[in-house]
């Protein structure tokens, strides 16, 4: 997505979708692909031991959302994000059941996953509120956590990894170093460079030169 282009208002997309415009439905959901991927990855890494691929989880979530979206009655982006977190929690719970060979649906696990996903969303917003990571003016028109996920998805993979592990999962430099196969000193330098790149990208999210 080119974030320099004006985004269609969510109410217009929802209205078009409810009038049978399949293309509008696709454009709406693609807007949240990076955000869903980041939330899925945080759950898989922190709670599920990295046993599933985030891309597969996101793909299944998008498929389920496409089927269920005509029944969504919300009007705001915040309501849509809450609904998409529920769909993502359902998909994650299904994958856990399949991995463990369980047949019964575990509603308590789904509720727990929904709560954990909501907490992850709060951490994303908190990261934007931290000094040095001020969002661009586009955040006035979009949920800030979605904007941050879009920008993170465009960073080089090592930068994205270290920001997710340090800022969003709260891991110490030593643990990150173990996971990435680097020294703790190298991880600290990588993190500093990654944050500088993130700040630059957040100030001009539609400018490829910012990356």
N, C-alpha and C. Protein backbone atom coordinates (compact mmCIF):
# COMPACT_ATOMS: atom_id res chain seq x y z
N UNK A 1 0.84 -1.19 0.00
CA UNK A 1 0.00 0.00 0.00
C UNK A 1 0.87 1.24 0.00
N UNK A 2 0.58 2.17 -0.86
CA UNK A 2 1.29 3.45 -0.87
C UNK A 2 0.58 4.39 0.07
N UNK A 3 1.21 4.64 1.24
CA UNK A 3 0.53 5.45 2.25
C UNK A 3 0.55 6.92 1.92
N UNK A 4 1.21 7.31 0.81
CA UNK A 4 1.16 8.70 0.39
C UNK A 4 -0.17 9.02 -0.28
N UNK A 5 -0.88 8.01 -0.75
CA UNK A 5 -2.16 8.20 -1.39
C UNK A 5 -3.24 8.33 -0.34
N UNK A 6 -4.22 9.22 -0.57
CA UNK A 6 -5.31 9.35 0.40
C UNK A 6 -6.07 8.03 0.53
N UNK A 7 -6.40 7.68 1.77
CA UNK A 7 -7.14 6.45 2.01
C UNK A 7 -8.64 6.71 1.90
N UNK A 8 -9.33 5.74 1.35
CA UNK A 8 -10.78 5.84 1.30
C UNK A 8 -11.34 5.81 2.72
N UNK A 9 -12.31 6.64 3.03
CA UNK A 9 -12.92 6.59 4.37
C UNK A 9 -13.49 5.21 4.63
N UNK A 10 -13.33 4.72 5.84
CA UNK A 10 -13.80 3.39 6.17
C UNK A 10 -15.32 3.28 6.03
N UNK A 11 -16.03 4.36 6.34
CA UNK A 11 -17.49 4.30 6.22
C UNK A 11 -17.90 4.10 4.77
N UNK A 12 -17.16 4.72 3.84
CA UNK A 12 -17.48 4.55 2.41
C UNK A 12 -17.23 3.11 1.97
N UNK A 13 -16.11 2.55 2.44
CA UNK A 13 -15.81 1.16 2.08
C UNK A 13 -16.85 0.20 2.66
N UNK A 14 -17.24 0.44 3.91
CA UNK A 14 -18.23 -0.43 4.53
C UNK A 14 -19.58 -0.33 3.81
N UNK A 15 -19.96 0.89 3.45
CA UNK A 15 -21.23 1.06 2.72
C UNK A 15 -21.18 0.36 1.37
N UNK A 16 -20.05 0.50 0.66
CA UNK A 16 -19.91 -0.16 -0.64
C UNK A 16 -19.94 -1.67 -0.49
N UNK A 17 -19.29 -2.17 0.54
CA UNK A 17 -19.28 -3.61 0.78
C UNK A 17 -20.69 -4.13 1.04
N UNK A 18 -21.44 -3.39 1.85
CA UNK A 18 -22.80 -3.82 2.20
C UNK A 18 -23.76 -3.72 1.02
N UNK A 19 -23.33 -3.00 0.00
CA UNK A 19 -24.12 -2.94 -1.23
C UNK A 19 -23.66 -3.97 -2.26
N UNK A 20 -22.76 -4.87 -1.83
CA UNK A 20 -22.34 -5.97 -2.69
C UNK A 20 -21.07 -5.73 -3.47
N UNK A 21 -20.29 -4.71 -3.12
CA UNK A 21 -19.05 -4.41 -3.83
C UNK A 21 -17.93 -5.28 -3.25
N UNK A 22 -17.62 -6.38 -3.92
CA UNK A 22 -16.58 -7.30 -3.43
C UNK A 22 -15.21 -6.65 -3.45
N UNK A 23 -14.95 -5.77 -4.41
CA UNK A 23 -13.66 -5.10 -4.49
C UNK A 23 -13.44 -4.21 -3.27
N UNK A 24 -14.50 -3.55 -2.81
CA UNK A 24 -14.38 -2.70 -1.62
C UNK A 24 -14.05 -3.54 -0.40
N UNK A 25 -14.63 -4.72 -0.33
CA UNK A 25 -14.33 -5.62 0.79
C UNK A 25 -12.85 -6.01 0.79
N UNK A 26 -12.33 -6.31 -0.39
CA UNK A 26 -10.92 -6.66 -0.50
C UNK A 26 -10.01 -5.51 -0.12
N UNK A 27 -10.32 -4.29 -0.59
CA UNK A 27 -9.50 -3.13 -0.25
C UNK A 27 -9.53 -2.85 1.25
N UNK A 28 -10.69 -3.07 1.85
CA UNK A 28 -10.82 -2.82 3.28
C UNK A 28 -9.94 -3.77 4.09
N UNK A 29 -9.99 -5.04 3.79
CA UNK A 29 -9.24 -6.01 4.58
C UNK A 29 -7.74 -5.91 4.33
N UNK A 30 -7.34 -5.62 3.11
CA UNK A 30 -5.91 -5.50 2.83
C UNK A 30 -5.27 -4.37 3.63
N UNK A 31 -6.07 -3.40 4.01
CA UNK A 31 -5.57 -2.28 4.80
C UNK A 31 -5.02 -2.76 6.15
N UNK A 32 -5.49 -3.92 6.61
CA UNK A 32 -5.12 -4.39 7.95
C UNK A 32 -4.24 -5.64 7.92
N UNK A 33 -3.73 -5.98 6.76
CA UNK A 33 -2.92 -7.19 6.64
C UNK A 33 -1.64 -7.11 7.47
N UNK A 34 -0.93 -6.00 7.38
CA UNK A 34 0.32 -5.85 8.14
C UNK A 34 0.04 -5.84 9.64
N UNK A 35 -1.03 -5.18 10.05
CA UNK A 35 -1.41 -5.12 11.46
C UNK A 35 -1.74 -6.51 12.00
N UNK A 36 -2.52 -7.27 11.24
CA UNK A 36 -2.84 -8.64 11.65
C UNK A 36 -1.58 -9.50 11.74
N UNK A 37 -0.67 -9.30 10.78
CA UNK A 37 0.56 -10.08 10.78
C UNK A 37 1.41 -9.78 12.01
N UNK A 38 1.47 -8.52 12.41
CA UNK A 38 2.26 -8.15 13.58
C UNK A 38 1.64 -8.73 14.85
N UNK A 39 0.32 -8.62 14.99
CA UNK A 39 -0.35 -9.19 16.17
C UNK A 39 -0.17 -10.70 16.22
N UNK A 40 -0.33 -11.35 15.07
CA UNK A 40 -0.18 -12.81 15.02
C UNK A 40 1.23 -13.21 15.42
N UNK A 41 2.20 -12.50 14.90
CA UNK A 41 3.59 -12.84 15.21
C UNK A 41 3.89 -12.67 16.69
N UNK A 42 3.36 -11.63 17.31
CA UNK A 42 3.59 -11.41 18.73
C UNK A 42 3.00 -12.54 19.56
N UNK A 43 1.81 -13.02 19.18
CA UNK A 43 1.20 -14.14 19.91
C UNK A 43 1.97 -15.43 19.69
N UNK A 44 2.35 -15.68 18.45
CA UNK A 44 3.06 -16.93 18.13
C UNK A 44 4.39 -16.98 18.84
N UNK A 45 5.10 -15.86 18.88
CA UNK A 45 6.42 -15.84 19.51
C UNK A 45 6.33 -15.92 21.03
N UNK A 46 5.37 -15.19 21.62
CA UNK A 46 5.36 -15.05 23.08
C UNK A 46 4.52 -16.12 23.78
N UNK A 47 3.46 -16.60 23.14
CA UNK A 47 2.54 -17.53 23.82
C UNK A 47 2.52 -18.92 23.21
N UNK A 48 2.84 -19.04 21.94
CA UNK A 48 2.65 -20.31 21.24
C UNK A 48 3.97 -20.93 20.80
N UNK A 49 5.07 -20.39 21.29
CA UNK A 49 6.36 -21.03 21.06
C UNK A 49 6.82 -21.07 19.63
N UNK A 50 6.30 -20.18 18.77
CA UNK A 50 6.74 -20.14 17.38
C UNK A 50 6.37 -21.37 16.58
N UNK A 51 5.29 -22.05 16.99
CA UNK A 51 4.94 -23.33 16.35
C UNK A 51 4.17 -23.15 15.04
N UNK A 52 3.70 -21.94 14.75
CA UNK A 52 2.93 -21.69 13.55
C UNK A 52 3.56 -20.53 12.78
N UNK A 53 3.27 -20.48 11.49
CA UNK A 53 3.74 -19.37 10.67
C UNK A 53 2.73 -18.23 10.69
N UNK A 54 3.21 -17.01 10.94
CA UNK A 54 2.29 -15.87 11.01
C UNK A 54 1.58 -15.65 9.68
N UNK A 55 2.27 -15.86 8.56
CA UNK A 55 1.65 -15.62 7.26
C UNK A 55 0.47 -16.55 7.03
N UNK A 56 0.58 -17.81 7.47
CA UNK A 56 -0.54 -18.74 7.32
C UNK A 56 -1.72 -18.33 8.19
N UNK A 57 -1.41 -17.88 9.40
CA UNK A 57 -2.47 -17.43 10.31
C UNK A 57 -3.20 -16.23 9.73
N UNK A 58 -2.45 -15.28 9.18
CA UNK A 58 -3.06 -14.09 8.60
C UNK A 58 -3.91 -14.46 7.39
N UNK A 59 -3.41 -15.34 6.55
CA UNK A 59 -4.18 -15.75 5.38
C UNK A 59 -5.51 -16.37 5.79
N UNK A 60 -5.48 -17.25 6.79
CA UNK A 60 -6.73 -17.87 7.24
C UNK A 60 -7.66 -16.85 7.89
N UNK A 61 -7.07 -15.90 8.63
CA UNK A 61 -7.88 -14.85 9.24
C UNK A 61 -8.56 -14.01 8.17
N UNK A 62 -7.84 -13.68 7.12
CA UNK A 62 -8.43 -12.89 6.03
C UNK A 62 -9.56 -13.66 5.36
N UNK A 63 -9.37 -14.96 5.16
CA UNK A 63 -10.41 -15.77 4.53
C UNK A 63 -11.67 -15.81 5.39
N UNK A 64 -11.47 -16.01 6.71
CA UNK A 64 -12.63 -16.04 7.60
C UNK A 64 -13.30 -14.67 7.68
N UNK A 65 -12.49 -13.61 7.67
CA UNK A 65 -13.05 -12.26 7.72
C UNK A 65 -13.86 -11.95 6.47
N UNK A 66 -13.39 -12.42 5.31
CA UNK A 66 -14.13 -12.21 4.07
C UNK A 66 -15.51 -12.84 4.16
N UNK A 67 -15.56 -14.06 4.72
CA UNK A 67 -16.85 -14.75 4.84
C UNK A 67 -17.78 -14.07 5.84
N UNK A 68 -17.20 -13.53 6.91
CA UNK A 68 -18.03 -13.01 8.00
C UNK A 68 -18.28 -11.51 7.92
N UNK A 69 -17.48 -10.79 7.14
CA UNK A 69 -17.56 -9.33 7.13
C UNK A 69 -18.94 -8.79 6.77
N UNK A 70 -19.70 -9.44 5.87
CA UNK A 70 -21.05 -8.90 5.60
C UNK A 70 -21.94 -8.81 6.83
N UNK A 71 -21.60 -9.54 7.89
CA UNK A 71 -22.41 -9.50 9.11
C UNK A 71 -21.89 -8.47 10.12
N UNK A 72 -20.76 -7.84 9.81
CA UNK A 72 -20.21 -6.82 10.69
C UNK A 72 -21.08 -5.57 10.61
N UNK A 73 -21.48 -5.03 11.77
CA UNK A 73 -22.39 -3.90 11.79
C UNK A 73 -21.76 -2.62 12.34
N UNK A 74 -20.47 -2.66 12.63
CA UNK A 74 -19.81 -1.47 13.15
C UNK A 74 -19.65 -0.39 12.08
N UNK A 75 -19.27 0.82 12.55
CA UNK A 75 -19.11 1.94 11.62
C UNK A 75 -17.75 2.61 11.74
N UNK A 76 -16.98 2.25 12.75
CA UNK A 76 -15.69 2.92 12.96
C UNK A 76 -14.55 1.94 12.79
N UNK A 77 -13.34 2.52 12.61
CA UNK A 77 -12.16 1.66 12.48
C UNK A 77 -11.87 0.94 13.78
N UNK A 78 -12.08 1.61 14.91
CA UNK A 78 -11.86 0.96 16.19
C UNK A 78 -12.75 -0.28 16.36
N UNK A 79 -14.01 -0.17 15.95
CA UNK A 79 -14.92 -1.32 16.04
C UNK A 79 -14.46 -2.45 15.11
N UNK A 80 -13.96 -2.07 13.95
CA UNK A 80 -13.49 -3.09 13.00
C UNK A 80 -12.25 -3.80 13.54
N UNK A 81 -11.34 -3.05 14.16
CA UNK A 81 -10.15 -3.66 14.72
C UNK A 81 -10.51 -4.65 15.82
N UNK A 82 -11.44 -4.28 16.67
CA UNK A 82 -11.87 -5.19 17.74
C UNK A 82 -12.47 -6.46 17.16
N UNK A 83 -13.24 -6.31 16.10
CA UNK A 83 -13.86 -7.47 15.43
C UNK A 83 -12.80 -8.35 14.78
N UNK A 84 -11.83 -7.74 14.13
CA UNK A 84 -10.76 -8.51 13.49
C UNK A 84 -9.90 -9.24 14.52
N UNK A 85 -9.71 -8.64 15.69
CA UNK A 85 -8.97 -9.34 16.74
C UNK A 85 -9.72 -10.60 17.18
N UNK A 86 -11.05 -10.54 17.21
CA UNK A 86 -11.84 -11.72 17.56
C UNK A 86 -11.65 -12.82 16.52
N UNK A 87 -11.66 -12.44 15.25
CA UNK A 87 -11.46 -13.42 14.18
C UNK A 87 -10.07 -14.03 14.29
N UNK A 88 -9.07 -13.20 14.52
CA UNK A 88 -7.70 -13.69 14.67
C UNK A 88 -7.58 -14.64 15.86
N UNK A 89 -8.22 -14.30 16.97
CA UNK A 89 -8.17 -15.17 18.15
C UNK A 89 -8.81 -16.52 17.85
N UNK A 90 -9.89 -16.52 17.10
CA UNK A 90 -10.56 -17.77 16.73
C UNK A 90 -9.64 -18.64 15.87
N UNK A 91 -8.96 -18.02 14.92
CA UNK A 91 -8.05 -18.76 14.04
C UNK A 91 -6.88 -19.32 14.84
N UNK A 92 -6.29 -18.51 15.72
CA UNK A 92 -5.18 -18.97 16.55
C UNK A 92 -5.61 -20.13 17.44
N UNK A 93 -6.79 -20.02 18.04
CA UNK A 93 -7.27 -21.10 18.91
C UNK A 93 -7.48 -22.39 18.12
N UNK A 94 -7.99 -22.25 16.90
CA UNK A 94 -8.18 -23.43 16.05
C UNK A 94 -6.84 -24.10 15.74
N UNK A 95 -5.82 -23.30 15.47
CA UNK A 95 -4.50 -23.87 15.18
C UNK A 95 -3.92 -24.57 16.40
N UNK A 96 -4.15 -24.00 17.58
CA UNK A 96 -3.68 -24.64 18.81
C UNK A 96 -4.39 -25.99 19.00
N UNK A 97 -5.70 -26.02 18.77
CA UNK A 97 -6.44 -27.29 18.90
C UNK A 97 -5.90 -28.32 17.92
N UNK A 98 -5.66 -27.89 16.70
CA UNK A 98 -5.17 -28.83 15.69
C UNK A 98 -3.78 -29.34 16.06
N UNK A 99 -2.95 -28.45 16.58
CA UNK A 99 -1.59 -28.86 16.96
C UNK A 99 -1.63 -29.87 18.11
N UNK A 100 -2.54 -29.65 19.05
CA UNK A 100 -2.63 -30.52 20.22
C UNK A 100 -3.52 -31.73 19.99
N UNK A 101 -4.17 -31.78 18.83
CA UNK A 101 -5.04 -32.91 18.53
C UNK A 101 -6.37 -32.86 19.28
N UNK A 102 -6.76 -31.68 19.77
CA UNK A 102 -8.02 -31.55 20.49
C UNK A 102 -9.17 -31.36 19.51
N UNK A 103 -10.33 -31.93 19.84
CA UNK A 103 -11.49 -31.83 18.97
C UNK A 103 -12.47 -30.75 19.43
N UNK A 104 -12.52 -30.52 20.73
CA UNK A 104 -13.50 -29.59 21.27
C UNK A 104 -13.00 -28.15 21.18
N UNK A 105 -13.90 -27.26 20.89
CA UNK A 105 -13.58 -25.83 20.90
C UNK A 105 -13.37 -25.37 22.34
N UNK A 106 -12.30 -24.64 22.59
CA UNK A 106 -11.99 -24.13 23.93
C UNK A 106 -12.30 -22.64 23.96
N UNK A 107 -13.51 -22.30 24.42
CA UNK A 107 -13.94 -20.91 24.43
C UNK A 107 -13.06 -20.08 25.36
N UNK A 108 -12.66 -20.68 26.48
CA UNK A 108 -11.82 -19.94 27.44
C UNK A 108 -10.49 -19.54 26.79
N UNK A 109 -9.92 -20.45 25.98
CA UNK A 109 -8.66 -20.12 25.31
C UNK A 109 -8.88 -18.98 24.32
N UNK A 110 -9.99 -19.00 23.59
CA UNK A 110 -10.26 -17.93 22.63
C UNK A 110 -10.40 -16.59 23.34
N UNK A 111 -11.10 -16.60 24.49
CA UNK A 111 -11.25 -15.35 25.25
C UNK A 111 -9.88 -14.88 25.73
N UNK A 112 -9.05 -15.81 26.21
CA UNK A 112 -7.71 -15.46 26.66
C UNK A 112 -6.88 -14.87 25.52
N UNK A 113 -7.00 -15.46 24.34
CA UNK A 113 -6.26 -14.94 23.18
C UNK A 113 -6.77 -13.56 22.79
N UNK A 114 -8.10 -13.36 22.86
CA UNK A 114 -8.64 -12.04 22.55
C UNK A 114 -8.08 -10.99 23.51
N UNK A 115 -8.01 -11.34 24.80
CA UNK A 115 -7.47 -10.40 25.78
C UNK A 115 -6.00 -10.11 25.51
N UNK A 116 -5.25 -11.15 25.16
CA UNK A 116 -3.83 -10.96 24.88
C UNK A 116 -3.62 -10.11 23.63
N UNK A 117 -4.46 -10.32 22.61
CA UNK A 117 -4.37 -9.51 21.39
C UNK A 117 -4.71 -8.06 21.68
N UNK A 118 -5.71 -7.84 22.54
CA UNK A 118 -6.06 -6.47 22.92
C UNK A 118 -4.90 -5.81 23.65
N UNK A 119 -4.21 -6.56 24.51
CA UNK A 119 -3.03 -6.03 25.21
C UNK A 119 -1.92 -5.70 24.23
N UNK A 120 -1.76 -6.53 23.20
CA UNK A 120 -0.74 -6.25 22.18
C UNK A 120 -1.07 -4.95 21.45
N UNK A 121 -2.36 -4.73 21.18
CA UNK A 121 -2.76 -3.48 20.55
C UNK A 121 -2.42 -2.28 21.42
N UNK A 122 -2.63 -2.44 22.73
CA UNK A 122 -2.29 -1.36 23.65
C UNK A 122 -0.79 -1.08 23.65
N UNK A 123 0.02 -2.14 23.56
CA UNK A 123 1.47 -1.93 23.52
C UNK A 123 1.88 -1.19 22.26
N UNK A 124 1.20 -1.49 21.14
CA UNK A 124 1.49 -0.78 19.90
C UNK A 124 1.19 0.71 20.06
N UNK A 125 0.03 1.02 20.65
CA UNK A 125 -0.32 2.43 20.85
C UNK A 125 0.65 3.10 21.82
N UNK A 126 1.04 2.35 22.85
CA UNK A 126 1.98 2.89 23.82
C UNK A 126 3.32 3.20 23.21
N UNK A 127 3.73 2.40 22.24
CA UNK A 127 5.01 2.64 21.59
C UNK A 127 4.96 3.95 20.81
N UNK A 128 3.83 4.25 20.20
CA UNK A 128 3.71 5.51 19.47
C UNK A 128 3.68 6.70 20.42
N UNK A 129 3.20 6.48 21.63
CA UNK A 129 3.14 7.57 22.60
C UNK A 129 4.49 7.83 23.24
N UNK A 130 5.44 6.89 23.06
CA UNK A 130 6.76 7.04 23.69
C UNK A 130 7.53 8.18 23.02
N UNK A 131 8.46 8.81 23.77
CA UNK A 131 9.26 9.90 23.20
C UNK A 131 10.03 9.44 21.97
N UNK A 132 10.04 10.28 20.96
CA UNK A 132 10.84 9.98 19.78
C UNK A 132 10.14 9.15 18.72
N UNK A 133 8.89 8.75 18.95
CA UNK A 133 8.18 7.96 17.95
C UNK A 133 6.84 8.61 17.62
N UNK A 134 6.85 9.93 17.50
CA UNK A 134 5.61 10.64 17.23
C UNK A 134 5.07 10.27 15.86
N UNK A 135 3.76 10.00 15.77
CA UNK A 135 3.17 9.62 14.49
C UNK A 135 3.02 10.81 13.56
N UNK A 136 2.89 10.51 12.29
CA UNK A 136 2.67 11.58 11.32
C UNK A 136 1.23 12.04 11.38
N UNK A 137 0.90 13.03 10.57
CA UNK A 137 -0.47 13.53 10.54
C UNK A 137 -1.45 12.48 10.07
N UNK A 138 -0.98 11.45 9.37
CA UNK A 138 -1.90 10.41 8.91
C UNK A 138 -2.56 9.71 10.08
N UNK A 139 -1.94 9.72 11.25
CA UNK A 139 -2.53 9.06 12.41
C UNK A 139 -3.83 9.72 12.83
N UNK A 140 -4.05 10.98 12.42
CA UNK A 140 -5.32 11.62 12.71
C UNK A 140 -6.47 10.94 11.97
N UNK A 141 -6.14 10.25 10.87
CA UNK A 141 -7.19 9.63 10.06
C UNK A 141 -7.22 8.12 10.21
N UNK A 142 -6.23 7.56 10.87
CA UNK A 142 -6.15 6.11 11.02
C UNK A 142 -5.85 5.77 12.46
N UNK A 143 -6.22 4.57 12.87
CA UNK A 143 -5.80 4.09 14.18
C UNK A 143 -4.28 4.02 14.18
N UNK A 144 -3.66 4.56 15.21
CA UNK A 144 -2.21 4.69 15.23
C UNK A 144 -1.50 3.34 15.17
N UNK A 145 -2.09 2.32 15.80
CA UNK A 145 -1.42 1.01 15.80
C UNK A 145 -1.37 0.43 14.39
N UNK A 146 -2.37 0.72 13.56
CA UNK A 146 -2.37 0.23 12.18
C UNK A 146 -1.28 0.94 11.38
N UNK A 147 -1.16 2.24 11.59
CA UNK A 147 -0.11 3.01 10.91
C UNK A 147 1.27 2.49 11.29
N UNK A 148 1.48 2.22 12.57
CA UNK A 148 2.77 1.71 13.02
C UNK A 148 3.07 0.35 12.40
N UNK A 149 2.07 -0.53 12.35
CA UNK A 149 2.27 -1.86 11.76
C UNK A 149 2.64 -1.74 10.29
N UNK A 150 2.01 -0.81 9.57
CA UNK A 150 2.34 -0.61 8.16
C UNK A 150 3.80 -0.18 8.00
N UNK A 151 4.23 0.77 8.85
CA UNK A 151 5.60 1.26 8.75
C UNK A 151 6.59 0.16 9.13
N UNK A 152 6.31 -0.58 10.20
CA UNK A 152 7.19 -1.68 10.61
C UNK A 152 7.33 -2.71 9.51
N UNK A 153 6.26 -2.98 8.77
CA UNK A 153 6.30 -4.00 7.72
C UNK A 153 7.24 -3.60 6.59
N UNK A 154 7.58 -2.30 6.49
CA UNK A 154 8.44 -1.82 5.43
C UNK A 154 9.89 -1.69 5.86
N UNK A 155 10.16 -1.88 7.14
CA UNK A 155 11.55 -1.82 7.62
C UNK A 155 12.30 -3.09 7.23
N UNK A 156 13.62 -3.03 7.12
CA UNK A 156 14.40 -4.25 6.91
C UNK A 156 14.12 -5.26 8.03
N UNK A 157 14.13 -6.54 7.69
CA UNK A 157 13.76 -7.57 8.64
C UNK A 157 14.53 -7.50 9.96
N UNK A 158 15.88 -7.31 9.96
CA UNK A 158 16.57 -7.22 11.25
C UNK A 158 16.07 -6.08 12.13
N UNK A 159 15.74 -4.94 11.51
CA UNK A 159 15.21 -3.81 12.28
C UNK A 159 13.84 -4.17 12.86
N UNK A 160 13.01 -4.75 12.02
CA UNK A 160 11.66 -5.12 12.48
C UNK A 160 11.75 -6.13 13.64
N UNK A 161 12.63 -7.11 13.49
CA UNK A 161 12.78 -8.13 14.53
C UNK A 161 13.16 -7.52 15.86
N UNK A 162 14.18 -6.67 15.86
CA UNK A 162 14.69 -6.16 17.12
C UNK A 162 13.69 -5.21 17.78
N UNK A 163 12.91 -4.45 17.00
CA UNK A 163 11.90 -3.57 17.58
C UNK A 163 10.77 -4.39 18.19
N UNK A 164 10.31 -5.42 17.49
CA UNK A 164 9.24 -6.27 18.01
C UNK A 164 9.69 -6.95 19.30
N UNK A 165 10.89 -7.52 19.29
CA UNK A 165 11.36 -8.25 20.46
C UNK A 165 11.64 -7.33 21.65
N UNK A 166 12.21 -6.16 21.37
CA UNK A 166 12.59 -5.26 22.46
C UNK A 166 11.42 -4.40 22.92
N UNK A 167 10.77 -3.69 21.99
CA UNK A 167 9.76 -2.70 22.36
C UNK A 167 8.38 -3.30 22.59
N UNK A 168 8.03 -4.33 21.83
CA UNK A 168 6.68 -4.87 21.93
C UNK A 168 6.59 -6.11 22.80
N UNK A 169 7.66 -6.90 22.84
CA UNK A 169 7.65 -8.07 23.71
C UNK A 169 8.43 -7.87 25.00
N UNK A 170 9.19 -6.77 25.07
CA UNK A 170 9.88 -6.41 26.30
C UNK A 170 11.03 -7.31 26.68
N UNK A 171 11.65 -7.97 25.71
CA UNK A 171 12.76 -8.88 26.02
C UNK A 171 14.05 -8.10 26.27
N UNK A 172 14.90 -8.58 27.16
CA UNK A 172 16.19 -7.92 27.39
C UNK A 172 17.13 -8.13 26.20
N UNK A 173 18.13 -7.27 26.09
CA UNK A 173 19.07 -7.37 24.97
C UNK A 173 19.74 -8.74 24.92
N UNK A 174 20.02 -9.31 26.09
CA UNK A 174 20.72 -10.60 26.12
C UNK A 174 19.87 -11.71 25.51
N UNK A 175 18.57 -11.71 25.79
CA UNK A 175 17.69 -12.73 25.22
C UNK A 175 17.53 -12.52 23.72
N UNK A 176 17.42 -11.26 23.31
CA UNK A 176 17.32 -10.96 21.88
C UNK A 176 18.58 -11.43 21.16
N UNK A 177 19.73 -11.19 21.79
CA UNK A 177 21.00 -11.62 21.20
C UNK A 177 21.01 -13.13 21.01
N UNK A 178 20.50 -13.87 22.00
CA UNK A 178 20.46 -15.33 21.88
C UNK A 178 19.57 -15.75 20.72
N UNK A 179 18.41 -15.10 20.59
CA UNK A 179 17.47 -15.47 19.53
C UNK A 179 18.00 -15.13 18.14
N UNK A 180 18.69 -14.01 18.05
CA UNK A 180 19.16 -13.55 16.74
C UNK A 180 20.56 -14.05 16.39
N UNK A 181 21.21 -14.70 17.34
CA UNK A 181 22.56 -15.20 17.08
C UNK A 181 23.58 -14.08 16.95
N UNK A 182 23.40 -13.02 17.74
CA UNK A 182 24.32 -11.88 17.73
C UNK A 182 24.82 -11.64 19.15
N UNK A 183 25.83 -10.79 19.29
CA UNK A 183 26.27 -10.39 20.61
C UNK A 183 25.29 -9.35 21.17
N UNK A 184 25.29 -9.21 22.50
CA UNK A 184 24.41 -8.22 23.12
C UNK A 184 24.76 -6.81 22.65
N UNK A 185 26.07 -6.53 22.49
CA UNK A 185 26.48 -5.21 22.01
C UNK A 185 25.98 -4.94 20.60
N UNK A 186 26.04 -5.97 19.74
CA UNK A 186 25.56 -5.80 18.37
C UNK A 186 24.06 -5.57 18.35
N UNK A 187 23.34 -6.23 19.25
CA UNK A 187 21.89 -6.05 19.32
C UNK A 187 21.55 -4.63 19.76
N UNK A 188 22.30 -4.10 20.74
CA UNK A 188 22.05 -2.72 21.18
C UNK A 188 22.24 -1.73 20.03
N UNK A 189 23.29 -1.90 19.25
CA UNK A 189 23.54 -1.00 18.12
C UNK A 189 22.46 -1.17 17.06
N UNK A 190 22.06 -2.41 16.81
CA UNK A 190 20.99 -2.66 15.85
C UNK A 190 19.71 -2.00 16.28
N UNK A 191 19.40 -2.07 17.56
CA UNK A 191 18.17 -1.48 18.11
C UNK A 191 18.18 0.03 17.95
N UNK A 192 19.32 0.66 18.25
CA UNK A 192 19.42 2.12 18.11
C UNK A 192 19.19 2.53 16.66
N UNK A 193 19.83 1.81 15.73
CA UNK A 193 19.64 2.14 14.30
C UNK A 193 18.20 1.88 13.87
N UNK A 194 17.62 0.82 14.39
CA UNK A 194 16.24 0.49 14.01
C UNK A 194 15.27 1.56 14.48
N UNK A 195 15.44 2.05 15.71
CA UNK A 195 14.56 3.09 16.22
C UNK A 195 14.72 4.39 15.42
N UNK A 196 15.94 4.71 15.05
CA UNK A 196 16.17 5.91 14.24
C UNK A 196 15.45 5.79 12.90
N UNK A 197 15.53 4.60 12.29
CA UNK A 197 14.86 4.37 11.01
C UNK A 197 13.34 4.45 11.17
N UNK A 198 12.85 3.89 12.29
CA UNK A 198 11.41 3.92 12.55
C UNK A 198 10.93 5.35 12.72
N UNK A 199 11.66 6.16 13.49
CA UNK A 199 11.26 7.56 13.69
C UNK A 199 11.21 8.31 12.37
N UNK A 200 12.22 8.09 11.53
CA UNK A 200 12.26 8.76 10.24
C UNK A 200 11.08 8.32 9.38
N UNK A 201 10.79 7.02 9.38
CA UNK A 201 9.70 6.51 8.56
C UNK A 201 8.34 6.99 9.06
N UNK A 202 8.18 7.12 10.39
CA UNK A 202 6.90 7.56 10.94
C UNK A 202 6.62 9.02 10.60
N UNK A 203 7.66 9.81 10.41
CA UNK A 203 7.46 11.20 10.06
C UNK A 203 7.07 11.36 8.60
N UNK A 204 7.43 10.40 7.74
CA UNK A 204 7.07 10.47 6.32
C UNK A 204 6.74 9.07 5.83
N UNK A 205 5.62 8.45 6.29
CA UNK A 205 5.33 7.06 6.01
C UNK A 205 5.08 6.75 4.56
N UNK A 206 4.77 7.77 3.75
CA UNK A 206 4.53 7.48 2.34
C UNK A 206 5.73 7.73 1.46
N UNK A 207 6.87 8.08 2.08
CA UNK A 207 8.06 8.44 1.33
C UNK A 207 9.05 7.28 1.34
N UNK A 208 9.23 6.56 0.22
CA UNK A 208 10.14 5.44 0.20
C UNK A 208 11.56 5.81 0.59
N UNK A 209 11.98 7.06 0.38
CA UNK A 209 13.32 7.46 0.74
C UNK A 209 13.53 7.45 2.25
N UNK A 210 12.42 7.44 3.00
CA UNK A 210 12.52 7.36 4.45
C UNK A 210 13.00 6.03 4.91
N UNK A 211 13.02 5.04 4.05
CA UNK A 211 13.50 3.72 4.39
C UNK A 211 14.81 3.44 3.68
